[in-house]
Amino acid sequence: MSLSSAQVRATVAVSDINQAVEFYEGALGLTPLGGDGMADVRIYPCGSGSLLQLYASEHAGVSTATVASWSADDFESLIGELRAKGVTFETYGEPATDDDGIHTFGDHKVAWFKDPDGNTLAVDNGGLPS
């Protein structure tokens, strides 16, 4: 067996699980899997069987790289919905983003934003970079 056939999930460290729950469930609209067994962990099912796991850790927010990314066919409407819920998109000089925080290369579009701990998250239009 190789890892290429195993399911993978993004795992994100957060400093305050309750604050993270407000953001990930309130602003991002995720719904946790059931169960009360782990007070400092939340697991959220996402598209195509993928999962996002949050866990309380002293190492929250230290990565400067993107820790999780979603691909969405309805990219523009999703960006609008997230903005309406208070999500702020990052603007960068490299890779260059427009004033709305959208980076476009070929048919591929991506926007980055941060959670309350400063973890960088992204959403893209599902297109492959060209």
Protein backbone atom coordinates (compact mmCIF):
# COMPACT_ATOMS: atom_id res chain seq x y z
CA MET A 1 0.00 0.00 0.00
CA SER A 2 1.19 3.51 -0.72
CA LEU A 3 0.08 6.84 0.69
CA SER A 4 -1.21 7.80 -2.75
CA SER A 5 -4.27 5.62 -2.15
CA ALA A 6 -4.86 6.71 1.47
CA GLN A 7 -7.21 9.52 2.46
CA VAL A 8 -5.45 12.66 3.70
CA ARG A 9 -6.69 15.52 5.87
CA ALA A 10 -5.42 18.97 6.71
CA THR A 11 -4.59 19.39 10.40
CA VAL A 12 -4.46 22.92 11.79
CA ALA A 13 -3.14 23.97 15.21
CA VAL A 14 -5.22 26.59 17.03
CA SER A 15 -4.52 28.29 20.36
CA ASP A 16 -8.15 28.56 21.53
CA ILE A 17 -10.53 25.89 20.27
CA ASN A 18 -13.63 27.93 21.17
CA GLN A 19 -12.42 30.98 19.23
CA ALA A 20 -11.48 28.71 16.32
CA VAL A 21 -14.93 27.09 16.37
CA GLU A 22 -16.55 30.53 16.08
CA PHE A 23 -14.45 31.29 13.00
CA TYR A 24 -14.49 27.90 11.25
CA GLU A 25 -18.19 27.25 11.90
CA GLY A 26 -19.50 30.83 11.93
CA ALA A 27 -17.49 32.58 9.21
CA LEU A 28 -16.52 29.58 7.09
CA GLY A 29 -19.78 27.64 7.54
CA LEU A 30 -18.23 24.28 8.40
CA THR A 31 -20.18 21.68 10.38
CA PRO A 32 -18.26 19.40 12.76
CA LEU A 33 -18.52 15.64 12.85
CA GLY A 34 -20.57 14.48 15.83
CA GLY A 35 -19.17 13.31 19.13
CA ASP A 36 -18.09 14.99 22.34
CA GLY A 37 -15.10 12.77 23.06
CA MET A 38 -12.36 15.29 22.29
CA ALA A 39 -12.83 18.75 23.81
CA ASP A 40 -9.70 20.18 22.16
CA VAL A 41 -10.26 18.71 18.68
CA ARG A 42 -12.82 19.39 15.96
CA ILE A 43 -13.05 17.52 12.67
CA TYR A 44 -14.96 19.00 9.75
CA PRO A 45 -15.98 17.01 6.68
CA CYS A 46 -15.44 18.90 3.44
CA GLY A 47 -15.88 17.98 -0.23
CA SER A 48 -15.04 14.60 -1.78
CA GLY A 49 -14.45 12.91 1.57
CA SER A 50 -11.75 15.35 2.65
CA LEU A 51 -11.46 16.45 6.27
CA LEU A 52 -10.16 19.46 8.17
CA GLN A 53 -9.01 18.83 11.72
CA LEU A 54 -8.45 21.56 14.30
CA TYR A 55 -6.60 20.84 17.52
CA ALA A 56 -5.55 23.01 20.45
CA SER A 57 -1.78 23.48 20.50
CA GLU A 58 0.88 25.87 21.70
CA HIS A 59 2.24 25.72 18.13
CA ALA A 60 -0.75 27.53 16.61
CA GLY A 61 -0.13 30.14 13.95
CA VAL A 62 3.62 29.66 13.56
CA SER A 63 3.61 28.44 9.97
CA THR A 64 4.02 31.11 7.31
CA ALA A 65 2.81 28.72 4.59
CA THR A 66 -0.76 27.88 3.57
CA VAL A 67 -1.99 25.16 5.94
CA ALA A 68 -5.28 24.27 4.21
CA SER A 69 -6.87 25.05 0.88
CA TRP A 70 -10.35 24.49 -0.55
CA SER A 71 -11.23 24.22 -4.24
CA ALA A 72 -14.62 25.56 -5.24
CA ASP A 73 -16.30 25.70 -8.65
CA ASP A 74 -18.40 28.67 -7.45
CA PHE A 75 -15.27 30.64 -6.51
CA GLU A 76 -16.63 34.18 -7.02
CA SER A 77 -19.84 33.62 -5.06
CA LEU A 78 -17.93 31.85 -2.29
CA ILE A 79 -15.51 34.79 -2.02
CA GLY A 80 -18.52 37.11 -1.74
CA GLU A 81 -20.15 34.96 0.96
CA LEU A 82 -16.94 34.79 2.99
CA ARG A 83 -16.45 38.56 2.73
CA ALA A 84 -20.03 39.10 3.91
CA LYS A 85 -19.23 36.97 6.99
CA GLY A 86 -16.19 39.15 7.81
CA VAL A 87 -13.38 37.16 6.20
CA THR A 88 -10.61 39.48 5.01
CA PHE A 89 -8.50 38.37 2.06
CA GLU A 90 -4.78 39.00 2.06
CA THR A 91 -3.10 41.12 -0.60
CA TYR A 92 0.43 40.25 -1.58
CA GLY A 93 3.02 41.66 -3.94
CA GLU A 94 4.47 38.24 -4.69
CA PRO A 95 2.59 36.29 -5.83
CA ALA A 96 0.71 39.35 -7.02
CA THR A 97 -2.91 39.71 -5.99
CA ASP A 98 -5.39 42.31 -7.15
CA ASP A 99 -6.94 44.82 -4.75
CA ASP A 100 -9.55 42.23 -3.77
CA GLY A 101 -6.90 39.68 -2.80
CA ILE A 102 -7.35 37.46 -5.86
CA HIS A 103 -4.26 35.96 -7.49
CA THR A 104 -4.81 34.85 -11.10
CA PHE A 105 -2.45 32.76 -13.19
CA GLY A 106 -3.91 31.38 -16.37
CA ASP A 107 -7.36 29.97 -15.59
CA HIS A 108 -6.44 29.42 -11.94
CA LYS A 109 -7.57 31.86 -9.24
CA VAL A 110 -6.71 31.74 -5.53
CA ALA A 111 -7.39 33.94 -2.51
CA TRP A 112 -5.69 33.65 0.88
CA PHE A 113 -7.06 34.56 4.29
CA LYS A 114 -6.11 33.97 7.92
CA ASP A 115 -7.85 32.40 10.88
CA PRO A 116 -7.77 34.02 14.34
CA ASP A 117 -4.35 32.45 15.05
CA GLY A 118 -2.83 33.75 11.83
CA ASN A 119 -2.88 30.36 10.07
CA THR A 120 -3.00 30.99 6.32
CA LEU A 121 -5.90 29.34 4.50
CA ALA A 122 -6.85 29.53 0.84
CA VAL A 123 -9.71 29.01 -1.56
CA ASP A 124 -9.25 28.49 -5.29
CA ASN A 125 -11.47 28.01 -8.31
CA GLY A 126 -10.52 24.38 -8.76
CA GLY A 127 -8.71 25.05 -12.02
CA LEU A 128 -5.23 23.73 -12.44
CA PRO A 129 -2.42 26.24 -12.83
CA SER A 130 -1.53 26.71 -16.48
